[in-house]
PDB file of N, CA and C in Angstrom:
ATOM      1  N   MET A   1      63.375 -54.845  28.608  1.00  0.00           N
ATOM      2  CA  MET A   1      63.243 -55.693  29.828  1.00  0.00           C
ATOM      3  C   MET A   1      63.321 -54.806  31.027  1.00  0.00           C
ATOM      4  N   PRO A   2      62.742 -55.296  32.104  1.00  0.00           N
ATOM      5  CA  PRO A   2      62.770 -54.484  33.360  1.00  0.00           C
ATOM      6  C   PRO A   2      64.146 -54.204  33.834  1.00  0.00           C
ATOM      7  N   ASN A   3      64.334 -52.992  34.313  1.00  0.00           N
ATOM      8  CA  ASN A   3      65.592 -52.498  34.784  1.00  0.00           C
ATOM      9  C   ASN A   3      65.301 -51.953  36.212  1.00  0.00           C
ATOM     10  N   TYR A   4      65.954 -52.506  37.217  1.00  0.00           N
ATOM     11  CA  TYR A   4      65.675 -52.029  38.552  1.00  0.00           C
ATOM     12  C   TYR A   4      66.910 -51.310  39.114  1.00  0.00           C
ATOM     13  N   TYR A   5      66.620 -50.302  39.896  1.00  0.00           N
ATOM     14  CA  TYR A   5      67.757 -49.548  40.556  1.00  0.00           C
ATOM     15  C   TYR A   5      67.280 -49.222  41.948  1.00  0.00           C
ATOM     16  N   ASP A   6      68.242 -49.251  42.868  1.00  0.00           N
ATOM     17  CA  ASP A   6      67.972 -48.940  44.319  1.00  0.00           C
ATOM     18  C   ASP A   6      68.019 -47.395  44.404  1.00  0.00           C
ATOM     19  N   PHE A   7      66.828 -46.784  44.598  1.00  0.00           N
ATOM     20  CA  PHE A   7      66.775 -45.320  44.652  1.00  0.00           C
ATOM     21  C   PHE A   7      67.416 -44.766  45.952  1.00  0.00           C
ATOM     22  N   SER A   8      67.757 -45.603  46.935  1.00  0.00           N
ATOM     23  CA  SER A   8      68.347 -45.095  48.142  1.00  0.00           C
ATOM     24  C   SER A   8      69.820 -44.714  47.809  1.00  0.00           C
ATOM     25  N   LYS A   9      70.324 -45.127  46.660  1.00  0.00           N
ATOM     26  CA  LYS A   9      71.657 -44.758  46.206  1.00  0.00           C
ATOM     27  C   LYS A   9      71.718 -43.450  45.491  1.00  0.00           C
ATOM     28  N   LEU A  10      70.513 -42.868  45.198  1.00  0.00           N
ATOM     29  CA  LEU A  10      70.489 -41.606  44.553  1.00  0.00           C
ATOM     30  C   LEU A  10      70.415 -40.444  45.560  1.00  0.00           C
ATOM     31  N   GLY A  11      70.946 -39.337  45.139  1.00  0.00           N
ATOM     32  CA  GLY A  11      70.857 -38.204  46.011  1.00  0.00           C
ATOM     33  C   GLY A  11      69.653 -37.339  45.643  1.00  0.00           C
ATOM     34  N   ASN A  12      69.005 -36.776  46.623  1.00  0.00           N
ATOM     35  CA  ASN A  12      67.926 -35.803  46.363  1.00  0.00           C
ATOM     36  C   ASN A  12      66.803 -36.293  45.406  1.00  0.00           C
ATOM     37  N   VAL A  13      66.171 -37.391  45.758  1.00  0.00           N
ATOM     38  CA  VAL A  13      65.089 -37.912  44.949  1.00  0.00           C
ATOM     39  C   VAL A  13      63.864 -36.955  45.111  1.00  0.00           C
ATOM     40  N   LYS A  14      63.338 -36.634  43.929  1.00  0.00           N
ATOM     41  CA  LYS A  14      62.223 -35.659  43.853  1.00  0.00           C
ATOM     42  C   LYS A  14      61.008 -36.391  43.322  1.00  0.00           C
ATOM     43  N   GLU A  15      59.842 -35.783  43.453  1.00  0.00           N
ATOM     44  CA  GLU A  15      58.654 -36.355  42.921  1.00  0.00           C
ATOM     45  C   GLU A  15      58.024 -35.255  41.983  1.00  0.00           C
ATOM     46  N   GLN A  16      57.410 -35.720  40.880  1.00  0.00           N
ATOM     47  CA  GLN A  16      56.768 -34.828  39.889  1.00  0.00           C
ATOM     48  C   GLN A  16      55.425 -35.465  39.574  1.00  0.00           C
ATOM     49  N   VAL A  17      54.357 -34.689  39.640  1.00  0.00           N
ATOM     50  CA  VAL A  17      52.991 -35.164  39.236  1.00  0.00           C
ATOM     51  C   VAL A  17      52.886 -34.993  37.764  1.00  0.00           C
ATOM     52  N   THR A  18      52.442 -36.104  37.077  1.00  0.00           N
ATOM     53  CA  THR A  18      52.220 -36.079  35.643  1.00  0.00           C
ATOM     54  C   THR A  18      50.777 -36.559  35.338  1.00  0.00           C
ATOM     55  N   ASN A  19      50.362 -36.280  34.096  1.00  0.00           N
ATOM     56  CA  ASN A  19      49.024 -36.719  33.710  1.00  0.00           C
ATOM     57  C   ASN A  19      49.063 -37.349  32.274  1.00  0.00           C
ATOM     58  N   PRO A  20      49.850 -38.430  32.057  1.00  0.00           N
ATOM     59  CA  PRO A  20      49.905 -38.987  30.772  1.00  0.00           C
ATOM     60  C   PRO A  20      48.562 -39.635  30.353  1.00  0.00           C
ATOM     61  N   ASP A  21      48.229 -39.501  29.079  1.00  0.00           N
ATOM     62  CA  ASP A  21      46.999 -40.145  28.568  1.00  0.00           C
ATOM     63  C   ASP A  21      47.080 -41.625  28.750  1.00  0.00           C
ATOM     64  N   GLY A  22      45.948 -42.152  29.177  1.00  0.00           N
ATOM     65  CA  GLY A  22      45.806 -43.614  29.328  1.00  0.00           C
ATOM     66  C   GLY A  22      46.389 -44.215  30.662  1.00  0.00           C
ATOM     67  N   TRP A  23      46.877 -43.313  31.518  1.00  0.00           N
ATOM     68  CA  TRP A  23      47.384 -43.690  32.860  1.00  0.00           C
ATOM     69  C   TRP A  23      46.400 -43.210  33.903  1.00  0.00           C
ATOM     70  N   VAL A  24      46.390 -43.938  34.997  1.00  0.00           N
ATOM     71  CA  VAL A  24      45.636 -43.485  36.175  1.00  0.00           C
ATOM     72  C   VAL A  24      46.289 -42.140  36.641  1.00  0.00           C
ATOM     73  N   ASN A  25      45.468 -41.152  36.621  1.00  0.00           N
ATOM     74  CA  ASN A  25      46.047 -39.812  36.990  1.00  0.00           C
ATOM     75  C   ASN A  25      45.468 -39.371  38.347  1.00  0.00           C
ATOM     76  N   PRO A  26      46.328 -38.618  39.058  1.00  0.00           N
ATOM     77  CA  PRO A  26      47.664 -38.256  38.624  1.00  0.00           C
ATOM     78  C   PRO A  26      48.668 -39.441  38.811  1.00  0.00           C
ATOM     79  N   THR A  27      49.659 -39.392  37.925  1.00  0.00           N
ATOM     80  CA  THR A  27      50.739 -40.404  38.003  1.00  0.00           C
ATOM     81  C   THR A  27      51.945 -39.593  38.562  1.00  0.00           C
ATOM     82  N   ILE A  28      52.512 -40.200  39.625  1.00  0.00           N
ATOM     83  CA  ILE A  28      53.672 -39.513  40.284  1.00  0.00           C
ATOM     84  C   ILE A  28      54.957 -40.209  39.839  1.00  0.00           C
ATOM     85  N   VAL A  29      55.939 -39.451  39.310  1.00  0.00           N
ATOM     86  CA  VAL A  29      57.194 -39.907  38.918  1.00  0.00           C
ATOM     87  C   VAL A  29      58.242 -39.516  40.015  1.00  0.00           C
ATOM     88  N   GLU A  30      59.043 -40.433  40.386  1.00  0.00           N
ATOM     89  CA  GLU A  30      60.160 -40.212  41.299  1.00  0.00           C
ATOM     90  C   GLU A  30      61.377 -40.165  40.427  1.00  0.00           C
ATOM     91  N   TYR A  31      62.267 -39.226  40.677  1.00  0.00           N
ATOM     92  CA  TYR A  31      63.541 -39.128  39.923  1.00  0.00           C
ATOM     93  C   TYR A  31      64.655 -38.547  40.734  1.00  0.00           C
ATOM     94  N   GLY A  32      65.849 -38.995  40.337  1.00  0.00           N
ATOM     95  CA  GLY A  32      67.046 -38.456  41.011  1.00  0.00           C
ATOM     96  C   GLY A  32      68.219 -38.650  40.064  1.00  0.00           C
ATOM     97  N   ILE A  33      69.347 -38.126  40.508  1.00  0.00           N
ATOM     98  CA  ILE A  33      70.575 -38.118  39.684  1.00  0.00           C
ATOM     99  C   ILE A  33      71.583 -39.176  40.229  1.00  0.00           C
ATOM    100  N   GLY A  34      72.163 -39.901  39.299  1.00  0.00           N
ATOM    101  CA  GLY A  34      73.151 -40.869  39.694  1.00  0.00           C
ATOM    102  C   GLY A  34      74.161 -41.090  38.474  1.00  0.00           C
ATOM    103  N   ASN A  35      75.125 -41.979  38.720  1.00  0.00           N
ATOM    104  CA  ASN A  35      76.094 -42.286  37.712  1.00  0.00           C
ATOM    105  C   ASN A  35      75.706 -43.567  36.968  1.00  0.00           C
ATOM    106  N   HIS A  36      75.669 -43.489  35.660  1.00  0.00           N
ATOM    107  CA  HIS A  36      75.317 -44.682  34.843  1.00  0.00           C
ATOM    108  C   HIS A  36      76.322 -44.677  33.671  1.00  0.00           C
ATOM    109  N   ARG A  37      77.108 -45.768  33.631  1.00  0.00           N
ATOM    110  CA  ARG A  37      78.086 -45.915  32.600  1.00  0.00           C
ATOM    111  C   ARG A  37      78.989 -44.674  32.422  1.00  0.00           C
ATOM    112  N   ASP A  38      79.536 -44.193  33.474  1.00  0.00           N
ATOM    113  CA  ASP A  38      80.384 -43.006  33.575  1.00  0.00           C
ATOM    114  C   ASP A  38      79.687 -41.699  33.119  1.00  0.00           C
ATOM    115  N   SER A  39      78.430 -41.668  33.226  1.00  0.00           N
ATOM    116  CA  SER A  39      77.687 -40.421  32.787  1.00  0.00           C
ATOM    117  C   SER A  39      76.703 -40.081  33.888  1.00  0.00           C
ATOM    118  N   LEU A  40      76.623 -38.851  34.242  1.00  0.00           N
ATOM    119  CA  LEU A  40      75.576 -38.399  35.160  1.00  0.00           C
ATOM    120  C   LEU A  40      74.276 -38.532  34.459  1.00  0.00           C
ATOM    121  N   SER A  41      73.319 -39.211  35.089  1.00  0.00           N
ATOM    122  CA  SER A  41      72.017 -39.556  34.485  1.00  0.00           C
ATOM    123  C   SER A  41      70.862 -39.352  35.435  1.00  0.00           C
ATOM    124  N   TYR A  42      69.691 -39.160  34.823  1.00  0.00           N
ATOM    125  CA  TYR A  42      68.457 -39.233  35.610  1.00  0.00           C
ATOM    126  C   TYR A  42      67.957 -40.587  35.700  1.00  0.00           C
ATOM    127  N   PHE A  43      67.664 -41.058  36.842  1.00  0.00           N
ATOM    128  CA  PHE A  43      66.996 -42.356  37.055  1.00  0.00           C
ATOM    129  C   PHE A  43      65.615 -41.984  37.500  1.00  0.00           C
ATOM    130  N   TRP A  44      64.627 -42.559  36.823  1.00  0.00           N
ATOM    131  CA  TRP A  44      63.188 -42.216  37.157  1.00  0.00           C
ATOM    132  C   TRP A  44      62.267 -43.399  36.965  1.00  0.00           C
ATOM    133  N   ARG A  45      61.195 -43.374  37.717  1.00  0.00           N
ATOM    134  CA  ARG A  45      60.166 -44.405  37.717  1.00  0.00           C
ATOM    135  C   ARG A  45      58.843 -43.939  38.182  1.00  0.00           C
ATOM    136  N   VAL A  46      57.826 -44.669  37.885  1.00  0.00           N
ATOM    137  CA  VAL A  46      56.528 -44.401  38.365  1.00  0.00           C
ATOM    138  C   VAL A  46      56.464 -44.736  39.827  1.00  0.00           C
ATOM    139  N   LYS A  47      56.090 -43.872  40.666  1.00  0.00           N
ATOM    140  CA  LYS A  47      56.072 -44.201  42.045  1.00  0.00           C
ATOM    141  C   LYS A  47      55.126 -45.392  42.342  1.00  0.00           C
ATOM    142  N   GLY A  48      55.673 -46.355  43.090  1.00  0.00           N
ATOM    143  CA  GLY A  48      54.972 -47.551  43.397  1.00  0.00           C
ATOM    144  C   GLY A  48      55.363 -48.703  42.490  1.00  0.00           C
ATOM    145  N   THR A  49      56.334 -48.444  41.582  1.00  0.00           N
ATOM    146  CA  THR A  49      56.894 -49.535  40.721  1.00  0.00           C
ATOM    147  C   THR A  49      58.426 -49.583  41.007  1.00  0.00           C
ATOM    148  N   HIS A  50      59.027 -50.590  40.349  1.00  0.00           N
ATOM    149  CA  HIS A  50      60.448 -50.722  40.546  1.00  0.00           C
ATOM    150  C   HIS A  50      61.190 -50.477  39.195  1.00  0.00           C
ATOM    151  N   HIS A  51      60.529 -50.626  38.073  1.00  0.00           N
ATOM    152  CA  HIS A  51      61.181 -50.418  36.773  1.00  0.00           C
ATOM    153  C   HIS A  51      61.765 -49.049  36.718  1.00  0.00           C
ATOM    154  N   THR A  52      63.042 -48.943  36.367  1.00  0.00           N
ATOM    155  CA  THR A  52      63.642 -47.652  36.334  1.00  0.00           C
ATOM    156  C   THR A  52      64.100 -47.251  34.895  1.00  0.00           C
ATOM    157  N   PHE A  53      63.727 -46.072  34.462  1.00  0.00           N
ATOM    158  CA  PHE A  53      64.128 -45.531  33.215  1.00  0.00           C
ATOM    159  C   PHE A  53      65.415 -44.713  33.494  1.00  0.00           C
ATOM    160  N   ILE A  54      66.340 -44.758  32.591  1.00  0.00           N
ATOM    161  CA  ILE A  54      67.619 -44.026  32.785  1.00  0.00           C
ATOM    162  C   ILE A  54      67.966 -43.272  31.553  1.00  0.00           C
ATOM    163  N   ILE A  55      68.235 -41.964  31.744  1.00  0.00           N
ATOM    164  CA  ILE A  55      68.632 -41.119  30.591  1.00  0.00           C
ATOM    165  C   ILE A  55      69.748 -40.155  31.038  1.00  0.00           C
ATOM    166  N   PRO A  56      70.764 -39.939  30.276  1.00  0.00           N
ATOM    167  CA  PRO A  56      71.835 -39.033  30.619  1.00  0.00           C
ATOM    168  C   PRO A  56      71.270 -37.625  30.748  1.00  0.00           C
ATOM    169  N   ILE A  57      71.799 -36.916  31.717  1.00  0.00           N
ATOM    170  CA  ILE A  57      71.261 -35.507  31.949  1.00  0.00           C
ATOM    171  C   ILE A  57      71.257 -34.628  30.749  1.00  0.00           C
ATOM    172  N   LEU A  58      72.426 -34.671  30.012  1.00  0.00           N
ATOM    173  CA  LEU A  58      72.541 -33.825  28.842  1.00  0.00           C
ATOM    174  C   LEU A  58      71.468 -34.225  27.795  1.00  0.00           C
ATOM    175  N   ARG A  59      71.199 -35.491  27.623  1.00  0.00           N
ATOM    176  CA  ARG A  59      70.215 -35.932  26.640  1.00  0.00           C
ATOM    177  C   ARG A  59      68.765 -35.473  27.119  1.00  0.00           C
ATOM    178  N   MET A  60      68.521 -35.659  28.385  1.00  0.00           N
ATOM    179  CA  MET A  60      67.259 -35.213  28.958  1.00  0.00           C
ATOM    180  C   MET A  60      67.046 -33.704  28.757  1.00  0.00           C
ATOM    181  N   ASP A  61      68.060 -32.933  29.043  1.00  0.00           N
ATOM    182  CA  ASP A  61      67.901 -31.517  28.887  1.00  0.00           C
ATOM    183  C   ASP A  61      67.747 -31.144  27.417  1.00  0.00           C
ATOM    184  N   TYR A  62      68.350 -31.787  26.502  1.00  0.00           N
ATOM    185  CA  TYR A  62      68.220 -31.542  25.118  1.00  0.00           C
ATOM    186  C   TYR A  62      66.833 -31.892  24.591  1.00  0.00           C
ATOM    187  N   LEU A  63      66.364 -33.168  24.944  1.00  0.00           N
ATOM    188  CA  LEU A  63      65.051 -33.594  24.482  1.00  0.00           C
ATOM    189  C   LEU A  63      63.887 -32.773  25.128  1.00  0.00           C
ATOM    190  N   SER A  64      64.030 -32.497  26.405  1.00  0.00           N
ATOM    191  CA  SER A  64      62.847 -31.898  27.058  1.00  0.00           C
ATOM    192  C   SER A  64      62.950 -30.354  27.079  1.00  0.00           C
ATOM    193  N   GLU A  65      64.032 -29.774  26.743  1.00  0.00           N
ATOM    194  CA  GLU A  65      64.271 -28.322  26.807  1.00  0.00           C
ATOM    195  C   GLU A  65      63.915 -27.848  28.157  1.00  0.00           C
ATOM    196  N   GLY A  66      64.223 -28.706  29.237  1.00  0.00           N
ATOM    197  CA  GLY A  66      64.006 -28.273  30.566  1.00  0.00           C
ATOM    198  C   GLY A  66      62.639 -28.611  31.126  1.00  0.00           C
ATOM    199  N   ASN A  67      61.735 -29.121  30.189  1.00  0.00           N
ATOM    200  CA  ASN A  67      60.400 -29.483  30.611  1.00  0.00           C
ATOM    201  C   ASN A  67      60.332 -30.950  30.959  1.00  0.00           C
ATOM    202  N   TYR A  68      60.710 -31.337  32.111  1.00  0.00           N
ATOM    203  CA  TYR A  68      60.815 -32.727  32.467  1.00  0.00           C
ATOM    204  C   TYR A  68      59.400 -33.471  32.456  1.00  0.00           C
ATOM    205  N   VAL A  69      58.391 -32.702  32.822  1.00  0.00           N
ATOM    206  CA  VAL A  69      57.067 -33.379  32.806  1.00  0.00           C
ATOM    207  C   VAL A  69      56.776 -33.827  31.403  1.00  0.00           C
ATOM    208  N   SER A  70      56.987 -33.038  30.393  1.00  0.00           N
ATOM    209  CA  SER A  70      56.652 -33.446  28.995  1.00  0.00           C
ATOM    210  C   SER A  70      57.481 -34.612  28.640  1.00  0.00           C
ATOM    211  N   HIS A  71      58.705 -34.780  29.073  1.00  0.00           N
ATOM    212  CA  HIS A  71      59.558 -35.951  28.763  1.00  0.00           C
ATOM    213  C   HIS A  71      58.980 -37.190  29.443  1.00  0.00           C
ATOM    214  N   PHE A  72      58.608 -37.052  30.769  1.00  0.00           N
ATOM    215  CA  PHE A  72      58.068 -38.219  31.460  1.00  0.00           C
ATOM    216  C   PHE A  72      56.751 -38.671  30.767  1.00  0.00           C
ATOM    217  N   GLU A  73      55.922 -37.710  30.420  1.00  0.00           N
ATOM    218  CA  GLU A  73      54.664 -38.022  29.839  1.00  0.00           C
ATOM    219  C   GLU A  73      54.824 -38.679  28.432  1.00  0.00           C
ATOM    220  N   GLU A  74      55.749 -38.199  27.662  1.00  0.00           N
ATOM    221  CA  GLU A  74      55.953 -38.765  26.346  1.00  0.00           C
ATOM    222  C   GLU A  74      56.448 -40.209  26.420  1.00  0.00           C
ATOM    223  N   VAL A  75      57.433 -40.435  27.359  1.00  0.00           N
ATOM    224  CA  VAL A  75      57.961 -41.749  27.487  1.00  0.00           C
ATOM    225  C   VAL A  75      56.844 -42.655  27.992  1.00  0.00           C
ATOM    226  N   LEU A  76      56.101 -42.264  28.938  1.00  0.00           N
ATOM    227  CA  LEU A  76      54.992 -43.163  29.485  1.00  0.00           C
ATOM    228  C   LEU A  76      53.920 -43.352  28.433  1.00  0.00           C
ATOM    229  N   LYS A  77      53.682 -42.437  27.545  1.00  0.00           N
ATOM    230  CA  LYS A  77      52.749 -42.628  26.491  1.00  0.00           C
ATOM    231  C   LYS A  77      53.236 -43.744  25.548  1.00  0.00           C
ATOM    232  N   CYS A  78      54.523 -43.702  25.114  1.00  0.00           N
ATOM    233  CA  CYS A  78      55.061 -44.785  24.302  1.00  0.00           C
ATOM    234  C   CYS A  78      55.128 -46.100  25.000  1.00  0.00           C
ATOM    235  N   PHE A  79      55.467 -46.053  26.299  1.00  0.00           N
ATOM    236  CA  PHE A  79      55.520 -47.323  27.122  1.00  0.00           C
ATOM    237  C   PHE A  79      54.125 -47.932  27.152  1.00  0.00           C
ATOM    238  N   ARG A  80      53.115 -47.132  27.277  1.00  0.00           N
ATOM    239  CA  ARG A  80      51.720 -47.636  27.274  1.00  0.00           C
ATOM    240  C   ARG A  80      51.331 -48.330  25.969  1.00  0.00           C
ATOM    241  N   GLU A  81      51.826 -47.823  24.872  1.00  0.00           N
ATOM    242  CA  GLU A  81      51.597 -48.370  23.531  1.00  0.00           C
ATOM    243  C   GLU A  81      52.244 -49.800  23.485  1.00  0.00           C
ATOM    244  N   ASP A  82      53.438 -49.897  23.977  1.00  0.00           N
ATOM    245  CA  ASP A  82      54.205 -51.197  24.020  1.00  0.00           C
ATOM    246  C   ASP A  82      53.375 -52.204  24.945  1.00  0.00           C
ATOM    247  N   TYR A  83      52.907 -51.631  26.076  1.00  0.00           N
ATOM    248  CA  TYR A  83      52.179 -52.445  27.065  1.00  0.00           C
ATOM    249  C   TYR A  83      50.944 -53.014  26.424  1.00  0.00           C
ATOM    250  N   LYS A  84      50.164 -52.173  25.685  1.00  0.00           N
ATOM    251  CA  LYS A  84      48.985 -52.631  25.000  1.00  0.00           C
ATOM    252  C   LYS A  84      49.250 -53.681  23.942  1.00  0.00           C
ATOM    253  N   ARG A  85      50.307 -53.479  23.229  1.00  0.00           N
ATOM    254  CA  ARG A  85      50.722 -54.486  22.233  1.00  0.00           C
ATOM    255  C   ARG A  85      50.987 -55.848  22.845  1.00  0.00           C
ATOM    256  N   TRP A  86      51.791 -55.796  23.959  1.00  0.00           N
ATOM    257  CA  TRP A  86      52.102 -56.999  24.683  1.00  0.00           C
ATOM    258  C   TRP A  86      50.881 -57.703  25.231  1.00  0.00           C
ATOM    259  N   ALA A  87      49.915 -56.917  25.646  1.00  0.00           N
ATOM    260  CA  ALA A  87      48.623 -57.463  26.147  1.00  0.00           C
ATOM    261  C   ALA A  87      47.909 -58.148  24.987  1.00  0.00           C
ATOM    262  N   ASN A  88      47.824 -57.496  23.842  1.00  0.00           N
ATOM    263  CA  ASN A  88      47.188 -58.098  22.642  1.00  0.00           C
ATOM    264  C   ASN A  88      47.895 -59.396  22.231  1.00  0.00           C
ATOM    265  N   GLU A  89      49.186 -59.520  22.433  1.00  0.00           N
ATOM    266  CA  GLU A  89      49.949 -60.670  22.044  1.00  0.00           C
ATOM    267  C   GLU A  89      49.797 -61.734  23.139  1.00  0.00           C
ATOM    268  N   GLY A  90      49.226 -61.425  24.281  1.00  0.00           N
ATOM    269  CA  GLY A  90      48.964 -62.405  25.317  1.00  0.00           C
ATOM    270  C   GLY A  90      50.166 -62.549  26.245  1.00  0.00           C
ATOM    271  N   TRP A  91      50.990 -61.496  26.377  1.00  0.00           N
ATOM    272  CA  TRP A  91      52.114 -61.420  27.295  1.00  0.00           C
ATOM    273  C   TRP A  91      53.023 -62.711  26.990  1.00  0.00           C
ATOM    274  N   PRO A  92      53.692 -62.736  25.840  1.00  0.00           N
ATOM    275  CA  PRO A  92      54.371 -63.893  25.368  1.00  0.00           C
ATOM    276  C   PRO A  92      55.697 -64.206  26.095  1.00  0.00           C
ATOM    277  N   THR A  93      56.289 -63.247  26.875  1.00  0.00           N
ATOM    278  CA  THR A  93      57.506 -63.585  27.540  1.00  0.00           C
ATOM    279  C   THR A  93      57.353 -63.282  29.023  1.00  0.00           C
ATOM    280  N   GLU A  94      58.278 -63.877  29.788  1.00  0.00           N
ATOM    281  CA  GLU A  94      58.261 -63.728  31.247  1.00  0.00           C
ATOM    282  C   GLU A  94      58.535 -62.229  31.562  1.00  0.00           C
ATOM    283  N   TRP A  95      59.431 -61.554  30.918  1.00  0.00           N
ATOM    284  CA  TRP A  95      59.705 -60.200  31.303  1.00  0.00           C
ATOM    285  C   TRP A  95      58.508 -59.272  31.021  1.00  0.00           C
ATOM    286  N   MET A  96      57.729 -59.561  29.981  1.00  0.00           N
ATOM    287  CA  MET A  96      56.528 -58.789  29.659  1.00  0.00           C
ATOM    288  C   MET A  96      55.561 -59.018  30.730  1.00  0.00           C
ATOM    289  N   CYS A  97      55.424 -60.211  31.275  1.00  0.00           N
ATOM    290  CA  CYS A  97      54.494 -60.495  32.372  1.00  0.00           C
ATOM    291  C   CYS A  97      54.916 -59.804  33.608  1.00  0.00           C
ATOM    292  N   SER A  98      56.205 -59.508  33.810  1.00  0.00           N
ATOM    293  CA  SER A  98      56.627 -58.742  35.017  1.00  0.00           C
ATOM    294  C   SER A  98      56.090 -57.259  34.868  1.00  0.00           C
ATOM    295  N   TYR A  99      56.200 -56.748  33.681  1.00  0.00           N
ATOM    296  CA  TYR A  99      55.634 -55.413  33.380  1.00  0.00           C
ATOM    297  C   TYR A  99      54.151 -55.363  33.651  1.00  0.00           C
ATOM    298  N   ARG A 100      53.411 -56.395  33.179  1.00  0.00           N
ATOM    299  CA  ARG A 100      51.957 -56.532  33.370  1.00  0.00           C
ATOM    300  C   ARG A 100      51.650 -56.453  34.879  1.00  0.00           C
ATOM    301  N   ASP A 101      52.430 -57.232  35.650  1.00  0.00           N
ATOM    302  CA  ASP A 101      52.150 -57.350  37.087  1.00  0.00           C
ATOM    303  C   ASP A 101      52.443 -56.024  37.770  1.00  0.00           C
ATOM    304  N   GLU A 102      53.486 -55.341  37.290  1.00  0.00           N
ATOM    305  CA  GLU A 102      53.925 -54.077  37.963  1.00  0.00           C
ATOM    306  C   GLU A 102      53.059 -52.947  37.589  1.00  0.00           C
ATOM    307  N   PHE A 103      52.569 -52.827  36.323  1.00  0.00           N
ATOM    308  CA  PHE A 103      51.964 -51.624  35.883  1.00  0.00           C
ATOM    309  C   PHE A 103      50.361 -51.746  35.683  1.00  0.00           C
ATOM    310  N   SER A 104      49.813 -52.914  35.887  1.00  0.00           N
ATOM    311  CA  SER A 104      48.376 -53.084  35.606  1.00  0.00           C
ATOM    312  C   SER A 104      47.531 -52.087  36.455  1.00  0.00           C
ATOM    313  N   ARG A 105      47.915 -51.625  37.573  1.00  0.00           N
ATOM    314  CA  ARG A 105      47.092 -50.732  38.351  1.00  0.00           C
ATOM    315  C   ARG A 105      47.336 -49.267  37.971  1.00  0.00           C
ATOM    316  N   PHE A 106      48.236 -49.037  37.063  1.00  0.00           N
ATOM    317  CA  PHE A 106      48.537 -47.686  36.622  1.00  0.00           C
ATOM    318  C   PHE A 106      48.116 -47.389  35.178  1.00  0.00           C
ATOM    319  N   ILE A 107      47.990 -48.389  34.342  1.00  0.00           N
ATOM    320  CA  ILE A 107      47.707 -48.186  32.899  1.00  0.00           C
ATOM    321  C   ILE A 107      46.264 -48.676  32.597  1.00  0.00           C
ATOM    322  N   SER A 108      45.599 -47.828  31.802  1.00  0.00           N
ATOM    323  CA  SER A 108      44.256 -48.198  31.319  1.00  0.00           C
ATOM    324  C   SER A 108      44.500 -48.777  29.915  1.00  0.00           C
ATOM    325  N   VAL A 109      43.941 -49.962  29.650  1.00  0.00           N
ATOM    326  CA  VAL A 109      44.199 -50.591  28.402  1.00  0.00           C
ATOM    327  C   VAL A 109      42.972 -50.372  27.496  1.00  0.00           C
TER     328      VAL A 109
END
């Protein structure tokens, strides 16, 4: 379900250009560090959207081996697969429709 976070609460928000398959490229990811459930975490989203992905810093570093672009692209690739499945199902829930409305200009189906 959509997760929103106020990026003005994050320190030092950066931007990273990515080129995930099936997305309008380039796709710009905004990310910054904040506290989530007593853990320092990366908060990130596709620029121009509100849905926020959250991952603890240690987990991000472990999974990406320091290559954040590959992490962003892999997550967005998986998200696109979910998005396509929801589209095939006819957007059966309200929260899926909110993703449709937010990401339709970024994802090629």
